[in-house]
PDB file of N, CA and C in Angstrom:
ATOM      1  N   UNK A   1      21.541  34.817  79.608  1.00  0.00           N
ATOM      2  CA  UNK A   1      22.508  33.992  80.301  1.00  0.00           C
ATOM      3  C   UNK A   1      21.839  32.702  80.762  1.00  0.00           C
ATOM      4  N   UNK A   2      22.499  31.576  80.581  1.00  0.00           N
ATOM      5  CA  UNK A   2      21.999  30.273  80.990  1.00  0.00           C
ATOM      6  C   UNK A   2      22.405  30.009  82.433  1.00  0.00           C
ATOM      7  N   UNK A   3      21.448  29.508  83.206  1.00  0.00           N
ATOM      8  CA  UNK A   3      21.731  29.164  84.609  1.00  0.00           C
ATOM      9  C   UNK A   3      22.783  28.055  84.657  1.00  0.00           C
ATOM     10  N   UNK A   4      23.711  28.135  85.587  1.00  0.00           N
ATOM     11  CA  UNK A   4      24.737  27.105  85.696  1.00  0.00           C
ATOM     12  C   UNK A   4      24.209  25.828  86.348  1.00  0.00           C
ATOM     13  N   UNK A   5      23.142  25.953  87.138  1.00  0.00           N
ATOM     14  CA  UNK A   5      22.493  24.797  87.744  1.00  0.00           C
ATOM     15  C   UNK A   5      20.982  24.980  87.601  1.00  0.00           C
ATOM     16  N   UNK A   6      20.327  23.969  87.074  1.00  0.00           N
ATOM     17  CA  UNK A   6      18.870  24.000  86.929  1.00  0.00           C
ATOM     18  C   UNK A   6      18.305  22.814  87.696  1.00  0.00           C
ATOM     19  N   UNK A   7      17.374  23.074  88.595  1.00  0.00           N
ATOM     20  CA  UNK A   7      16.739  22.019  89.381  1.00  0.00           C
ATOM     21  C   UNK A   7      15.262  21.949  89.010  1.00  0.00           C
ATOM     22  N   UNK A   8      14.819  20.743  88.655  1.00  0.00           N
ATOM     23  CA  UNK A   8      13.427  20.520  88.285  1.00  0.00           C
ATOM     24  C   UNK A   8      12.903  19.367  89.140  1.00  0.00           C
ATOM     25  N   UNK A   9      11.838  19.591  89.868  1.00  0.00           N
ATOM     26  CA  UNK A   9      11.235  18.530  90.671  1.00  0.00           C
ATOM     27  C   UNK A   9      10.393  17.659  89.750  1.00  0.00           C
ATOM     28  N   UNK A  10      10.717  16.376  89.667  1.00  0.00           N
ATOM     29  CA  UNK A  10       9.988  15.445  88.813  1.00  0.00           C
ATOM     30  C   UNK A  10       8.907  14.690  89.565  1.00  0.00           C
ATOM     31  N   UNK A  11       9.103  14.509  90.856  1.00  0.00           N
ATOM     32  CA  UNK A  11       8.147  13.766  91.666  1.00  0.00           C
ATOM     33  C   UNK A  11       8.327  14.185  93.112  1.00  0.00           C
ATOM     34  N   UNK A  12       7.218  14.467  93.775  1.00  0.00           N
ATOM     35  CA  UNK A  12       7.238  14.726  95.216  1.00  0.00           C
ATOM     36  C   UNK A  12       6.163  13.867  95.830  1.00  0.00           C
ATOM     37  N   UNK A  13       6.546  12.979  96.729  1.00  0.00           N
ATOM     38  CA  UNK A  13       5.612  12.027  97.313  1.00  0.00           C
ATOM     39  C   UNK A  13       5.796  12.008  98.819  1.00  0.00           C
ATOM     40  N   UNK A  14       4.731  12.312  99.565  1.00  0.00           N
ATOM     41  CA  UNK A  14       4.829  12.221 101.017  1.00  0.00           C
ATOM     42  C   UNK A  14       4.734  10.759 101.434  1.00  0.00           C
ATOM     43  N   UNK A  15       5.367  10.432 102.537  1.00  0.00           N
ATOM     44  CA  UNK A  15       5.358   9.070 103.073  1.00  0.00           C
ATOM     45  C   UNK A  15       4.988   9.124 104.551  1.00  0.00           C
ATOM     46  N   UNK A  16       3.720   9.437 104.851  1.00  0.00           N
ATOM     47  CA  UNK A  16       3.321   9.549 106.254  1.00  0.00           C
ATOM     48  C   UNK A  16       3.457   8.214 106.975  1.00  0.00           C
ATOM     49  N   UNK A  17       3.878   8.274 108.205  1.00  0.00           N
ATOM     50  CA  UNK A  17       3.972   7.094 109.072  1.00  0.00           C
ATOM     51  C   UNK A  17       4.867   6.003 108.496  1.00  0.00           C
ATOM     52  N   UNK A  18       5.895   6.371 107.760  1.00  0.00           N
ATOM     53  CA  UNK A  18       6.815   5.388 107.191  1.00  0.00           C
ATOM     54  C   UNK A  18       8.172   5.507 107.860  1.00  0.00           C
ATOM     55  N   UNK A  19       8.595   4.419 108.497  1.00  0.00           N
ATOM     56  CA  UNK A  19       9.930   4.375 109.091  1.00  0.00           C
ATOM     57  C   UNK A  19      10.842   3.679 108.091  1.00  0.00           C
ATOM     58  N   UNK A  20      11.856   4.387 107.625  1.00  0.00           N
ATOM     59  CA  UNK A  20      12.777   3.823 106.645  1.00  0.00           C
ATOM     60  C   UNK A  20      14.066   3.433 107.350  1.00  0.00           C
ATOM     61  N   UNK A  21      14.403   2.150 107.235  1.00  0.00           N
ATOM     62  CA  UNK A  21      15.642   1.666 107.814  1.00  0.00           C
ATOM     63  C   UNK A  21      16.715   1.479 106.764  1.00  0.00           C
ATOM     64  N   UNK A  22      16.271   1.198 105.519  1.00  0.00           N
ATOM     65  CA  UNK A  22      17.194   0.921 104.426  1.00  0.00           C
ATOM     66  C   UNK A  22      16.604   1.401 103.110  1.00  0.00           C
ATOM     67  N   UNK A  23      17.479   1.907 102.249  1.00  0.00           N
ATOM     68  CA  UNK A  23      17.115   2.187 100.859  1.00  0.00           C
ATOM     69  C   UNK A  23      18.070   1.370 100.003  1.00  0.00           C
ATOM     70  N   UNK A  24      17.513   0.544  99.146  1.00  0.00           N
ATOM     71  CA  UNK A  24      18.320  -0.249  98.230  1.00  0.00           C
ATOM     72  C   UNK A  24      18.055   0.236  96.820  1.00  0.00           C
ATOM     73  N   UNK A  25      19.119   0.538  96.080  1.00  0.00           N
ATOM     74  CA  UNK A  25      18.998   1.017  94.702  1.00  0.00           C
ATOM     75  C   UNK A  25      19.443  -0.105  93.775  1.00  0.00           C
ATOM     76  N   UNK A  26      18.572  -0.429  92.814  1.00  0.00           N
ATOM     77  CA  UNK A  26      18.875  -1.507  91.868  1.00  0.00           C
ATOM     78  C   UNK A  26      18.726  -0.987  90.438  1.00  0.00           C
ATOM     79  N   UNK A  27      19.599  -1.456  89.549  1.00  0.00           N
ATOM     80  CA  UNK A  27      19.410  -1.252  88.111  1.00  0.00           C
ATOM     81  C   UNK A  27      18.817  -2.557  87.590  1.00  0.00           C
ATOM     82  N   UNK A  28      17.649  -2.454  86.989  1.00  0.00           N
ATOM     83  CA  UNK A  28      16.909  -3.639  86.555  1.00  0.00           C
ATOM     84  C   UNK A  28      16.631  -3.523  85.058  1.00  0.00           C
ATOM     85  N   UNK A  29      16.864  -4.605  84.337  1.00  0.00           N
ATOM     86  CA  UNK A  29      16.590  -4.644  82.906  1.00  0.00           C
ATOM     87  C   UNK A  29      15.584  -5.747  82.622  1.00  0.00           C
ATOM     88  N   UNK A  30      14.510  -5.390  81.933  1.00  0.00           N
ATOM     89  CA  UNK A  30      13.542  -6.365  81.434  1.00  0.00           C
ATOM     90  C   UNK A  30      13.719  -6.441  79.921  1.00  0.00           C
ATOM     91  N   UNK A  31      13.867  -7.641  79.417  1.00  0.00           N
ATOM     92  CA  UNK A  31      13.999  -7.828  77.983  1.00  0.00           C
ATOM     93  C   UNK A  31      12.673  -7.472  77.288  1.00  0.00           C
ATOM     94  N   UNK A  32      12.690  -7.265  75.970  1.00  0.00           N
ATOM     95  CA  UNK A  32      11.463  -6.898  75.256  1.00  0.00           C
ATOM     96  C   UNK A  32      10.305  -7.847  75.569  1.00  0.00           C
ATOM     97  N   UNK A  33       9.141  -7.239  75.783  1.00  0.00           N
ATOM     98  CA  UNK A  33       7.879  -7.941  75.996  1.00  0.00           C
ATOM     99  C   UNK A  33       7.812  -8.803  77.260  1.00  0.00           C
ATOM    100  N   UNK A  34       8.716  -8.595  78.212  1.00  0.00           N
ATOM    101  CA  UNK A  34       8.635  -9.325  79.484  1.00  0.00           C
ATOM    102  C   UNK A  34       7.580  -8.647  80.353  1.00  0.00           C
ATOM    103  N   UNK A  35       6.613  -9.443  80.805  1.00  0.00           N
ATOM    104  CA  UNK A  35       5.545  -8.922  81.669  1.00  0.00           C
ATOM    105  C   UNK A  35       5.900  -9.231  83.124  1.00  0.00           C
ATOM    106  N   UNK A  36       5.987  -8.182  83.927  1.00  0.00           N
ATOM    107  CA  UNK A  36       6.289  -8.363  85.345  1.00  0.00           C
ATOM    108  C   UNK A  36       5.158  -9.040  86.088  1.00  0.00           C
ATOM    109  N   UNK A  37       3.943  -8.918  85.575  1.00  0.00           N
ATOM    110  CA  UNK A  37       2.780  -9.509  86.226  1.00  0.00           C
ATOM    111  C   UNK A  37       2.336  -8.698  87.425  1.00  0.00           C
ATOM    112  N   UNK A  38       1.073  -8.850  87.800  1.00  0.00           N
ATOM    113  CA  UNK A  38       0.574  -8.141  88.983  1.00  0.00           C
ATOM    114  C   UNK A  38       1.392  -8.526  90.212  1.00  0.00           C
ATOM    115  N   UNK A  39       1.739  -7.514  91.017  1.00  0.00           N
ATOM    116  CA  UNK A  39       2.573  -7.760  92.190  1.00  0.00           C
ATOM    117  C   UNK A  39       2.432  -6.615  93.169  1.00  0.00           C
ATOM    118  N   UNK A  40       3.061  -6.773  94.331  1.00  0.00           N
ATOM    119  CA  UNK A  40       3.134  -5.701  95.320  1.00  0.00           C
ATOM    120  C   UNK A  40       4.468  -5.799  96.057  1.00  0.00           C
ATOM    121  N   UNK A  41       4.837  -4.707  96.717  1.00  0.00           N
ATOM    122  CA  UNK A  41       6.094  -4.626  97.458  1.00  0.00           C
ATOM    123  C   UNK A  41       5.813  -4.373  98.932  1.00  0.00           C
ATOM    124  N   UNK A  42       6.759  -4.744  99.786  1.00  0.00           N
ATOM    125  CA  UNK A  42       6.608  -4.537 101.227  1.00  0.00           C
ATOM    126  C   UNK A  42       7.034  -3.142 101.680  1.00  0.00           C
ATOM    127  N   UNK A  43       7.485  -2.325 100.769  1.00  0.00           N
ATOM    128  CA  UNK A  43       7.840  -0.938 101.059  1.00  0.00           C
ATOM    129  C   UNK A  43       7.629  -0.117  99.798  1.00  0.00           C
ATOM    130  N   UNK A  44       7.609   1.194  99.909  1.00  0.00           N
ATOM    131  CA  UNK A  44       7.427   2.022  98.717  1.00  0.00           C
ATOM    132  C   UNK A  44       8.632   1.890  97.778  1.00  0.00           C
ATOM    133  N   UNK A  45       8.363   2.007  96.489  1.00  0.00           N
ATOM    134  CA  UNK A  45       9.408   1.935  95.468  1.00  0.00           C
ATOM    135  C   UNK A  45       9.312   3.178  94.602  1.00  0.00           C
ATOM    136  N   UNK A  46      10.445   3.833  94.424  1.00  0.00           N
ATOM    137  CA  UNK A  46      10.561   4.958  93.501  1.00  0.00           C
ATOM    138  C   UNK A  46      11.468   4.509  92.373  1.00  0.00           C
ATOM    139  N   UNK A  47      11.321   5.091  91.206  1.00  0.00           N
ATOM    140  CA  UNK A  47      12.194   4.682  90.123  1.00  0.00           C
ATOM    141  C   UNK A  47      12.259   5.694  89.007  1.00  0.00           C
ATOM    142  N   UNK A  48      13.229   5.466  88.124  1.00  0.00           N
ATOM    143  CA  UNK A  48      13.374   6.295  86.926  1.00  0.00           C
ATOM    144  C   UNK A  48      13.783   5.392  85.766  1.00  0.00           C
ATOM    145  N   UNK A  49      13.188   5.641  84.631  1.00  0.00           N
ATOM    146  CA  UNK A  49      13.467   4.856  83.437  1.00  0.00           C
ATOM    147  C   UNK A  49      14.744   5.392  82.802  1.00  0.00           C
ATOM    148  N   UNK A  50      15.719   4.518  82.605  1.00  0.00           N
ATOM    149  CA  UNK A  50      16.975   4.912  81.961  1.00  0.00           C
ATOM    150  C   UNK A  50      16.889   4.785  80.445  1.00  0.00           C
ATOM    151  N   UNK A  51      16.342   3.650  79.975  1.00  0.00           N
ATOM    152  CA  UNK A  51      16.214   3.439  78.530  1.00  0.00           C
ATOM    153  C   UNK A  51      15.041   2.509  78.271  1.00  0.00           C
ATOM    154  N   UNK A  52      14.525   2.579  77.062  1.00  0.00           N
ATOM    155  CA  UNK A  52      13.382   1.756  76.701  1.00  0.00           C
ATOM    156  C   UNK A  52      12.092   2.318  77.265  1.00  0.00           C
ATOM    157  N   UNK A  53      11.096   1.435  77.421  1.00  0.00           N
ATOM    158  CA  UNK A  53       9.798   1.875  77.923  1.00  0.00           C
ATOM    159  C   UNK A  53       9.052   0.707  78.548  1.00  0.00           C
ATOM    160  N   UNK A  54       8.043   1.061  79.339  1.00  0.00           N
ATOM    161  CA  UNK A  54       7.295   0.064  80.107  1.00  0.00           C
ATOM    162  C   UNK A  54       5.833   0.504  80.207  1.00  0.00           C
ATOM    163  N   UNK A  55       4.929  -0.487  80.156  1.00  0.00           N
ATOM    164  CA  UNK A  55       3.521  -0.234  80.451  1.00  0.00           C
ATOM    165  C   UNK A  55       3.390  -0.246  81.971  1.00  0.00           C
ATOM    166  N   UNK A  56       2.766   0.791  82.543  1.00  0.00           N
ATOM    167  CA  UNK A  56       2.722   0.966  83.997  1.00  0.00           C
ATOM    168  C   UNK A  56       1.296   1.256  84.429  1.00  0.00           C
ATOM    169  N   UNK A  57       0.828   0.531  85.463  1.00  0.00           N
ATOM    170  CA  UNK A  57      -0.508   0.759  86.011  1.00  0.00           C
ATOM    171  C   UNK A  57      -0.513   0.355  87.477  1.00  0.00           C
ATOM    172  N   UNK A  58      -1.080   1.213  88.329  1.00  0.00           N
ATOM    173  CA  UNK A  58      -1.135   0.988  89.769  1.00  0.00           C
ATOM    174  C   UNK A  58      -2.578   0.904  90.237  1.00  0.00           C
ATOM    175  N   UNK A  59      -2.933  -0.216  90.862  1.00  0.00           N
ATOM    176  CA  UNK A  59      -4.202  -0.386  91.587  1.00  0.00           C
ATOM    177  C   UNK A  59      -5.435   0.068  90.806  1.00  0.00           C
ATOM    178  N   UNK A  60      -5.554  -0.380  89.568  1.00  0.00           N
ATOM    179  CA  UNK A  60      -6.727  -0.059  88.763  1.00  0.00           C
ATOM    180  C   UNK A  60      -6.754   1.355  88.200  1.00  0.00           C
ATOM    181  N   UNK A  61      -5.679   2.108  88.409  1.00  0.00           N
ATOM    182  CA  UNK A  61      -5.603   3.475  87.882  1.00  0.00           C
ATOM    183  C   UNK A  61      -5.402   3.479  86.376  1.00  0.00           C
ATOM    184  N   UNK A  62      -5.210   4.653  85.839  1.00  0.00           N
ATOM    185  CA  UNK A  62      -5.020   4.798  84.402  1.00  0.00           C
ATOM    186  C   UNK A  62      -3.678   4.193  83.979  1.00  0.00           C
ATOM    187  N   UNK A  63      -3.698   3.332  82.967  1.00  0.00           N
ATOM    188  CA  UNK A  63      -2.432   2.803  82.465  1.00  0.00           C
ATOM    189  C   UNK A  63      -1.681   3.874  81.687  1.00  0.00           C
ATOM    190  N   UNK A  64      -0.360   3.782  81.714  1.00  0.00           N
ATOM    191  CA  UNK A  64       0.467   4.750  81.004  1.00  0.00           C
ATOM    192  C   UNK A  64       1.704   4.040  80.479  1.00  0.00           C
ATOM    193  N   UNK A  65       2.415   4.696  79.605  1.00  0.00           N
ATOM    194  CA  UNK A  65       3.703   4.196  79.144  1.00  0.00           C
ATOM    195  C   UNK A  65       4.769   5.138  79.669  1.00  0.00           C
ATOM    196  N   UNK A  66       5.734   4.572  80.393  1.00  0.00           N
ATOM    197  CA  UNK A  66       6.866   5.355  80.900  1.00  0.00           C
ATOM    198  C   UNK A  66       8.036   5.163  79.953  1.00  0.00           C
ATOM    199  N   UNK A  67       8.732   6.276  79.653  1.00  0.00           N
ATOM    200  CA  UNK A  67       9.871   6.254  78.741  1.00  0.00           C
ATOM    201  C   UNK A  67      11.105   6.824  79.433  1.00  0.00           C
ATOM    202  N   UNK A  68      12.239   6.741  78.771  1.00  0.00           N
ATOM    203  CA  UNK A  68      13.501   7.233  79.335  1.00  0.00           C
ATOM    204  C   UNK A  68      13.317   8.638  79.893  1.00  0.00           C
ATOM    205  N   UNK A  69      13.749   8.816  81.143  1.00  0.00           N
ATOM    206  CA  UNK A  69      13.637  10.107  81.819  1.00  0.00           C
ATOM    207  C   UNK A  69      12.408  10.219  82.704  1.00  0.00           C
ATOM    208  N   UNK A  70      11.400   9.358  82.510  1.00  0.00           N
ATOM    209  CA  UNK A  70      10.205   9.389  83.356  1.00  0.00           C
ATOM    210  C   UNK A  70      10.501   8.769  84.715  1.00  0.00           C
ATOM    211  N   UNK A  71       9.774   9.215  85.730  1.00  0.00           N
ATOM    212  CA  UNK A  71       9.901   8.676  87.079  1.00  0.00           C
ATOM    213  C   UNK A  71       8.584   8.037  87.489  1.00  0.00           C
ATOM    214  N   UNK A  72       8.647   7.158  88.495  1.00  0.00           N
ATOM    215  CA  UNK A  72       7.423   6.498  88.951  1.00  0.00           C
ATOM    216  C   UNK A  72       7.490   6.233  90.448  1.00  0.00           C
ATOM    217  N   UNK A  73       6.317   5.936  91.008  1.00  0.00           N
ATOM    218  CA  UNK A  73       6.167   5.620  92.425  1.00  0.00           C
ATOM    219  C   UNK A  73       5.217   4.441  92.554  1.00  0.00           C
ATOM    220  N   UNK A  74       5.620   3.439  93.326  1.00  0.00           N
ATOM    221  CA  UNK A  74       4.773   2.305  93.643  1.00  0.00           C
ATOM    222  C   UNK A  74       4.586   2.276  95.158  1.00  0.00           C
ATOM    223  N   UNK A  75       3.375   2.559  95.638  1.00  0.00           N
ATOM    224  CA  UNK A  75       3.143   2.559  97.084  1.00  0.00           C
ATOM    225  C   UNK A  75       3.319   1.158  97.677  1.00  0.00           C
ATOM    226  N   UNK A  76       3.700   1.099  98.934  1.00  0.00           N
ATOM    227  CA  UNK A  76       3.833  -0.180  99.643  1.00  0.00           C
ATOM    228  C   UNK A  76       2.477  -0.868  99.735  1.00  0.00           C
ATOM    229  N   UNK A  77       2.494  -2.199  99.683  1.00  0.00           N
ATOM    230  CA  UNK A  77       1.294  -3.017  99.905  1.00  0.00           C
ATOM    231  C   UNK A  77       0.126  -2.597  99.024  1.00  0.00           C
ATOM    232  N   UNK A  78       0.427  -2.237  97.782  1.00  0.00           N
ATOM    233  CA  UNK A  78      -0.577  -1.812  96.807  1.00  0.00           C
ATOM    234  C   UNK A  78      -0.350  -2.594  95.523  1.00  0.00           C
ATOM    235  N   UNK A  79      -1.433  -3.043  94.902  1.00  0.00           N
ATOM    236  CA  UNK A  79      -1.313  -3.827  93.683  1.00  0.00           C
ATOM    237  C   UNK A  79      -0.719  -2.995  92.543  1.00  0.00           C
ATOM    238  N   UNK A  80       0.354  -3.494  91.967  1.00  0.00           N
ATOM    239  CA  UNK A  80       0.915  -2.937  90.740  1.00  0.00           C
ATOM    240  C   UNK A  80       0.382  -3.836  89.633  1.00  0.00           C
ATOM    241  N   UNK A  81      -0.623  -3.348  88.902  1.00  0.00           N
ATOM    242  CA  UNK A  81      -1.279  -4.152  87.881  1.00  0.00           C
ATOM    243  C   UNK A  81      -0.325  -4.509  86.744  1.00  0.00           C
ATOM    244  N   UNK A  82       0.464  -3.501  86.325  1.00  0.00           N
ATOM    245  CA  UNK A  82       1.370  -3.721  85.196  1.00  0.00           C
ATOM    246  C   UNK A  82       2.680  -2.980  85.413  1.00  0.00           C
ATOM    247  N   UNK A  83       3.749  -3.671  85.146  1.00  0.00           N
ATOM    248  CA  UNK A  83       5.068  -3.084  84.947  1.00  0.00           C
ATOM    249  C   UNK A  83       5.699  -3.990  83.905  1.00  0.00           C
ATOM    250  N   UNK A  84       5.249  -3.814  82.662  1.00  0.00           N
ATOM    251  CA  UNK A  84       5.552  -4.723  81.569  1.00  0.00           C
ATOM    252  C   UNK A  84       6.378  -4.021  80.504  1.00  0.00           C
ATOM    253  N   UNK A  85       7.508  -4.621  80.154  1.00  0.00           N
ATOM    254  CA  UNK A  85       8.366  -4.045  79.121  1.00  0.00           C
ATOM    255  C   UNK A  85       7.629  -4.004  77.785  1.00  0.00           C
ATOM    256  N   UNK A  86       7.857  -2.944  77.044  1.00  0.00           N
ATOM    257  CA  UNK A  86       7.327  -2.856  75.683  1.00  0.00           C
ATOM    258  C   UNK A  86       8.223  -3.687  74.761  1.00  0.00           C
ATOM    259  N   UNK A  87       7.985  -3.583  73.474  1.00  0.00           N
ATOM    260  CA  UNK A  87       8.775  -4.351  72.503  1.00  0.00           C
ATOM    261  C   UNK A  87      10.235  -3.903  72.447  1.00  0.00           C
ATOM    262  N   UNK A  88      10.554  -2.754  73.048  1.00  0.00           N
ATOM    263  CA  UNK A  88      11.949  -2.306  73.068  1.00  0.00           C
ATOM    264  C   UNK A  88      12.676  -2.685  74.363  1.00  0.00           C
ATOM    265  N   UNK A  89      11.972  -3.291  75.330  1.00  0.00           N
ATOM    266  CA  UNK A  89      12.573  -3.604  76.618  1.00  0.00           C
ATOM    267  C   UNK A  89      12.720  -2.343  77.452  1.00  0.00           C
ATOM    268  N   UNK A  90      13.236  -2.498  78.678  1.00  0.00           N
ATOM    269  CA  UNK A  90      13.386  -1.347  79.565  1.00  0.00           C
ATOM    270  C   UNK A  90      14.524  -1.598  80.554  1.00  0.00           C
ATOM    271  N   UNK A  91      15.256  -0.550  80.865  1.00  0.00           N
ATOM    272  CA  UNK A  91      16.210  -0.544  81.972  1.00  0.00           C
ATOM    273  C   UNK A  91      15.831   0.626  82.867  1.00  0.00           C
ATOM    274  N   UNK A  92      15.738   0.346  84.177  1.00  0.00           N
ATOM    275  CA  UNK A  92      15.339   1.402  85.109  1.00  0.00           C
ATOM    276  C   UNK A  92      16.115   1.272  86.409  1.00  0.00           C
ATOM    277  N   UNK A  93      16.160   2.366  87.140  1.00  0.00           N
ATOM    278  CA  UNK A  93      16.681   2.364  88.497  1.00  0.00           C
ATOM    279  C   UNK A  93      15.493   2.286  89.436  1.00  0.00           C
ATOM    280  N   UNK A  94      15.534   1.351  90.376  1.00  0.00           N
ATOM    281  CA  UNK A  94      14.498   1.224  91.387  1.00  0.00           C
ATOM    282  C   UNK A  94      15.084   1.519  92.758  1.00  0.00           C
ATOM    283  N   UNK A  95      14.414   2.364  93.516  1.00  0.00           N
ATOM    284  CA  UNK A  95      14.822   2.734  94.873  1.00  0.00           C
ATOM    285  C   UNK A  95      13.818   2.105  95.833  1.00  0.00           C
ATOM    286  N   UNK A  96      14.241   1.069  96.545  1.00  0.00           N
ATOM    287  CA  UNK A  96      13.371   0.281  97.405  1.00  0.00           C
ATOM    288  C   UNK A  96      13.580   0.718  98.854  1.00  0.00           C
ATOM    289  N   UNK A  97      12.534   1.249  99.478  1.00  0.00           N
ATOM    290  CA  UNK A  97      12.586   1.709 100.862  1.00  0.00           C
ATOM    291  C   UNK A  97      11.925   0.656 101.740  1.00  0.00           C
ATOM    292  N   UNK A  98      12.616   0.243 102.798  1.00  0.00           N
ATOM    293  CA  UNK A  98      12.034  -0.723 103.725  1.00  0.00           C
ATOM    294  C   UNK A  98      12.355  -0.307 105.157  1.00  0.00           C
ATOM    295  N   UNK A  99      11.600  -0.853 106.073  1.00  0.00           N
ATOM    296  CA  UNK A  99      11.776  -0.535 107.481  1.00  0.00           C
ATOM    297  C   UNK A  99      13.031  -1.174 108.052  1.00  0.00           C
ATOM    298  N   UNK A 100      13.342  -0.834 109.296  1.00  0.00           N
ATOM    299  CA  UNK A 100      14.504  -1.418 109.965  1.00  0.00           C
ATOM    300  C   UNK A 100      14.416  -2.949 109.957  1.00  0.00           C
ATOM    301  N   UNK A 101      15.532  -3.602 109.696  1.00  0.00           N
ATOM    302  CA  UNK A 101      15.637  -5.066 109.715  1.00  0.00           C
ATOM    303  C   UNK A 101      14.746  -5.757 108.683  1.00  0.00           C
ATOM    304  N   UNK A 102      14.428  -5.074 107.585  1.00  0.00           N
ATOM    305  CA  UNK A 102      13.664  -5.682 106.501  1.00  0.00           C
ATOM    306  C   UNK A 102      14.520  -5.703 105.235  1.00  0.00           C
ATOM    307  N   UNK A 103      14.165  -6.605 104.332  1.00  0.00           N
ATOM    308  CA  UNK A 103      14.756  -6.643 102.998  1.00  0.00           C
ATOM    309  C   UNK A 103      13.644  -6.356 101.997  1.00  0.00           C
ATOM    310  N   UNK A 104      13.951  -5.700 100.874  1.00  0.00           N
ATOM    311  CA  UNK A 104      12.916  -5.456  99.869  1.00  0.00           C
ATOM    312  C   UNK A 104      12.349  -6.769  99.335  1.00  0.00           C
ATOM    313  N   UNK A 105      11.031  -6.811  99.191  1.00  0.00           N
ATOM    314  CA  UNK A 105      10.363  -8.005  98.676  1.00  0.00           C
ATOM    315  C   UNK A 105       9.375  -7.626  97.589  1.00  0.00           C
ATOM    316  N   UNK A 106       9.307  -8.463  96.567  1.00  0.00           N
ATOM    317  CA  UNK A 106       8.286  -8.380  95.528  1.00  0.00           C
ATOM    318  C   UNK A 106       7.476  -9.659  95.645  1.00  0.00           C
ATOM    319  N   UNK A 107       6.160  -9.511  95.817  1.00  0.00           N
ATOM    320  CA  UNK A 107       5.278 -10.659  95.975  1.00  0.00           C
ATOM    321  C   UNK A 107       4.263 -10.646  94.838  1.00  0.00           C
ATOM    322  N   UNK A 108       4.150 -11.768  94.091  1.00  0.00           N
ATOM    323  CA  UNK A 108       3.153 -11.827  93.018  1.00  0.00           C
ATOM    324  C   UNK A 108       1.739 -11.652  93.564  1.00  0.00           C
ATOM    325  N   UNK A 109       0.882 -11.023  92.762  1.00  0.00           N
ATOM    326  CA  UNK A 109      -0.518 -10.863  93.120  1.00  0.00           C
ATOM    327  C   UNK A 109      -0.767  -9.686  94.037  1.00  0.00           C
ATOM    328  N   UNK A 110      -2.046  -9.498  94.391  1.00  0.00           N
ATOM    329  CA  UNK A 110      -2.411  -8.382  95.271  1.00  0.00           C
ATOM    330  C   UNK A 110      -2.019  -8.654  96.712  1.00  0.00           C
ATOM    331  N   UNK A 111      -1.874  -7.584  97.501  1.00  0.00           N
ATOM    332  CA  UNK A 111      -1.597  -7.789  98.926  1.00  0.00           C
ATOM    333  C   UNK A 111      -2.793  -8.441  99.609  1.00  0.00           C
ATOM    334  N   UNK A 112      -2.510  -9.216 100.627  1.00  0.00           N
ATOM    335  CA  UNK A 112      -3.567  -9.867 101.402  1.00  0.00           C
ATOM    336  C   UNK A 112      -4.011  -8.903 102.485  1.00  0.00           C
ATOM    337  N   UNK A 113      -5.309  -8.677 102.547  1.00  0.00           N
ATOM    338  CA  UNK A 113      -5.860  -7.792 103.571  1.00  0.00           C
ATOM    339  C   UNK A 113      -6.338  -8.669 104.717  1.00  0.00           C
ATOM    340  N   UNK A 114      -5.744  -8.439 105.881  1.00  0.00           N
ATOM    341  CA  UNK A 114      -6.149  -9.212 107.051  1.00  0.00           C
ATOM    342  C   UNK A 114      -7.333  -8.532 107.717  1.00  0.00           C
ATOM    343  N   UNK A 115      -8.391  -9.308 107.916  1.00  0.00           N
ATOM    344  CA  UNK A 115      -9.584  -8.785 108.572  1.00  0.00           C
ATOM    345  C   UNK A 115      -9.485  -9.041 110.065  1.00  0.00           C
ATOM    346  N   UNK A 116      -9.898  -8.063 110.838  1.00  0.00           N
ATOM    347  CA  UNK A 116      -9.926  -8.236 112.290  1.00  0.00           C
ATOM    348  C   UNK A 116     -11.103  -9.138 112.648  1.00  0.00           C
ATOM    349  N   UNK A 117     -10.932  -9.995 113.651  1.00  0.00           N
ATOM    350  CA  UNK A 117     -12.035 -10.870 114.041  1.00  0.00           C
ATOM    351  C   UNK A 117     -13.222 -10.041 114.524  1.00  0.00           C
ATOM    352  N   UNK A 118     -14.399 -10.483 114.162  1.00  0.00           N
ATOM    353  CA  UNK A 118     -15.621  -9.813 114.581  1.00  0.00           C
ATOM    354  C   UNK A 118     -15.937 -10.201 116.017  1.00  0.00           C
ATOM    355  N   UNK A 119     -16.189  -9.217 116.853  1.00  0.00           N
ATOM    356  CA  UNK A 119     -16.566  -9.515 118.236  1.00  0.00           C
ATOM    357  C   UNK A 119     -17.983  -9.035 118.469  1.00  0.00           C
ATOM    358  N   UNK A 120     -18.702  -9.800 119.206  1.00  0.00           N
ATOM    359  CA  UNK A 120     -20.088  -9.456 119.540  1.00  0.00           C
ATOM    360  C   UNK A 120     -20.090  -8.458 120.680  1.00  0.00           C
ATOM    361  N   UNK A 121     -21.097  -7.638 120.703  1.00  0.00           N
ATOM    362  CA  UNK A 121     -21.274  -6.669 121.770  1.00  0.00           C
ATOM    363  C   UNK A 121     -21.658  -7.353 123.087  1.00  0.00           C
ATOM    364  N   UNK A 122     -21.828  -6.569 124.180  1.00  0.00           N
ATOM    365  CA  UNK A 122     -22.137  -7.144 125.507  1.00  0.00           C
ATOM    366  C   UNK A 122     -23.437  -7.871 125.561  1.00  0.00           C
TER     367      UNK A 122
END
């Protein structure tokens, strides 16, 4: 007998110390060979590939190709080295989580790390 409902966990990601005020869901299409370029987001991004495929790499990690049905996670304030459409292009759903009174942002390049001022001892 076939189960009438089948549940499969594709991704489980903890978000410690994250206050979510808004989740925005977008359907995004990149035409063939469009390179998103290195970038980062102000909140975590979850997504699923609907059609096509994309080259995906996070913060110097192993590059991979995501295809229809695959899911992904982009941590907040972390360099996304690649999210580049392959020769077939890609359409995906992106779930953008941001804090209260924030809007989702994509910023080119790596996040800026602010250094605390150095103070001398007594």
